Amino acid sequence: MWKEILKIDMEEARRLGDKYAPEDMEEARIEEIRANFTKVKPTILKILEGYTLPDLEGMDSRSLRSILVSLMRGLPNAPRLYGSHSLKARKQNKEMIEDYLDDLELEYLRR
């Protein structure tokens, strides 16, 4: 309804917001990151528990890796995970993700 009244799309609204109210737009981005992070972090940590099990089959590890990548898609500068599904690569991915989540928490939640 409001889009019809204003006759602009969201891209144009963001561009105008960045131009005329950059502080408000940045605060909105940070709030969105905080909300998304608080929502997905427990799920990511739960998946990481099973992701590094030694007896995990190849297809299961691929599925869990895909889920992790999808969950982190809405977060800024998510790490690129190793494509290998060996136990060593999965442990490295887990460590990378845990470090990333810690850094995000420091940067966005403890401001």
Protein backbone atom coordinates (compact mmCIF):
# COMPACT_ATOMS: atom_id res chain seq x y z
CA MET A 1 0.00 0.00 0.00
CA TRP A 2 2.65 2.54 1.01
CA LYS A 3 4.72 1.64 -2.06
CA GLU A 4 1.80 2.61 -4.27
CA ILE A 5 1.36 5.88 -2.41
CA LEU A 6 5.05 6.82 -2.53
CA LYS A 7 5.65 5.27 -5.99
CA ILE A 8 9.12 4.04 -5.07
CA ASP A 9 10.58 0.60 -4.60
CA MET A 10 12.72 -0.63 -1.72
CA GLU A 11 15.99 -0.13 -3.61
CA GLU A 12 15.14 3.51 -4.20
CA ALA A 13 14.01 3.92 -0.57
CA ARG A 14 17.34 2.52 0.66
CA ARG A 15 19.29 4.76 -1.69
CA LEU A 16 17.40 7.83 -0.47
CA GLY A 17 17.78 6.71 3.13
CA ASP A 18 21.54 6.32 2.68
CA LYS A 19 21.71 9.78 1.16
CA TYR A 20 19.53 11.69 3.63
CA ALA A 21 19.73 9.64 6.84
CA PRO A 22 22.94 7.59 6.78
CA GLU A 23 23.15 7.23 10.57
CA ASP A 24 19.61 5.86 10.77
CA MET A 25 20.25 3.47 7.89
CA GLU A 26 23.45 2.17 9.50
CA GLU A 27 21.66 1.66 12.82
CA ALA A 28 18.90 -0.25 11.00
CA ARG A 29 21.49 -2.48 9.31
CA ILE A 30 23.17 -3.19 12.64
CA GLU A 31 19.83 -4.02 14.26
CA GLU A 32 19.01 -6.38 11.40
CA ILE A 33 22.38 -8.14 11.81
CA ARG A 34 21.85 -8.39 15.58
CA ALA A 35 18.38 -9.87 15.16
CA ASN A 36 19.51 -12.35 12.53
CA PHE A 37 22.59 -13.33 14.54
CA THR A 38 20.60 -13.92 17.74
CA LYS A 39 18.12 -16.02 15.78
CA VAL A 40 20.59 -18.28 13.92
CA LYS A 41 23.48 -18.64 16.39
CA PRO A 42 21.88 -21.39 18.56
CA THR A 43 20.98 -23.38 15.45
CA ILE A 44 24.47 -23.03 14.00
CA LEU A 45 26.06 -24.19 17.27
CA LYS A 46 23.71 -27.18 17.46
CA ILE A 47 24.55 -28.22 13.90
CA LEU A 48 28.28 -27.83 14.58
CA GLU A 49 28.01 -30.43 17.35
CA GLY A 50 27.01 -33.11 14.87
CA TYR A 51 29.07 -31.80 11.96
CA THR A 52 32.39 -32.97 13.40
CA LEU A 53 31.35 -36.45 14.47
CA PRO A 54 33.94 -38.94 13.16
CA ASP A 55 31.37 -41.45 11.89
CA LEU A 56 29.42 -38.90 9.82
CA GLU A 57 28.78 -40.14 6.27
CA GLY A 58 29.70 -38.06 3.21
CA MET A 59 26.17 -37.11 2.20
CA ASP A 60 25.27 -36.13 5.77
CA SER A 61 28.33 -33.88 6.07
CA ARG A 62 27.47 -32.24 2.73
CA SER A 63 23.93 -31.58 3.92
CA LEU A 64 25.08 -30.11 7.23
CA ARG A 65 27.65 -27.94 5.46
CA SER A 66 24.94 -26.64 3.11
CA ILE A 67 22.70 -25.84 6.06
CA LEU A 68 25.53 -23.96 7.80
CA VAL A 69 26.25 -21.94 4.67
CA SER A 70 22.56 -21.08 4.28
CA LEU A 71 22.23 -19.99 7.91
CA MET A 72 25.26 -17.72 7.66
CA ARG A 73 24.13 -16.17 4.36
CA GLY A 74 22.33 -13.34 6.15
CA LEU A 75 25.36 -12.46 8.25
CA PRO A 76 28.12 -10.07 7.12
CA ASN A 77 31.39 -11.46 5.74
CA ALA A 78 30.64 -15.09 6.50
CA PRO A 79 33.69 -17.34 6.16
CA ARG A 80 34.19 -19.52 3.10
CA LEU A 81 34.10 -23.10 4.28
CA TYR A 82 36.37 -25.84 2.99
CA GLY A 83 34.66 -27.99 0.39
CA SER A 84 36.31 -31.21 1.53
CA HIS A 85 34.23 -33.45 3.76
CA SER A 86 37.12 -35.12 5.57
CA LEU A 87 37.08 -35.00 9.36
CA LYS A 88 40.08 -32.64 9.32
CA ALA A 89 38.31 -30.17 6.99
CA ARG A 90 35.09 -30.36 9.02
CA LYS A 91 37.04 -29.58 12.22
CA GLN A 92 38.71 -26.63 10.49
CA ASN A 93 35.31 -25.39 9.30
CA LYS A 94 33.93 -25.72 12.82
CA GLU A 95 36.83 -23.74 14.29
CA MET A 96 36.46 -21.09 11.59
CA ILE A 97 32.73 -20.74 12.25
CA GLU A 98 33.17 -20.57 16.03
CA ASP A 99 35.81 -17.84 15.65
CA TYR A 100 33.55 -15.98 13.23
CA LEU A 101 30.58 -16.14 15.62
CA ASP A 102 32.76 -14.89 18.49
CA ASP A 103 33.96 -11.97 16.35
CA LEU A 104 30.41 -11.09 15.32
CA GLU A 105 29.27 -11.18 18.90
CA LEU A 106 32.05 -8.81 19.93
CA GLU A 107 31.37 -6.46 17.05
CA TYR A 108 27.57 -6.29 17.04
CA LEU A 109 26.18 -7.50 20.34
CA ARG A 110 28.55 -5.90 22.82
CA ARG A 111 28.42 -2.38 21.41
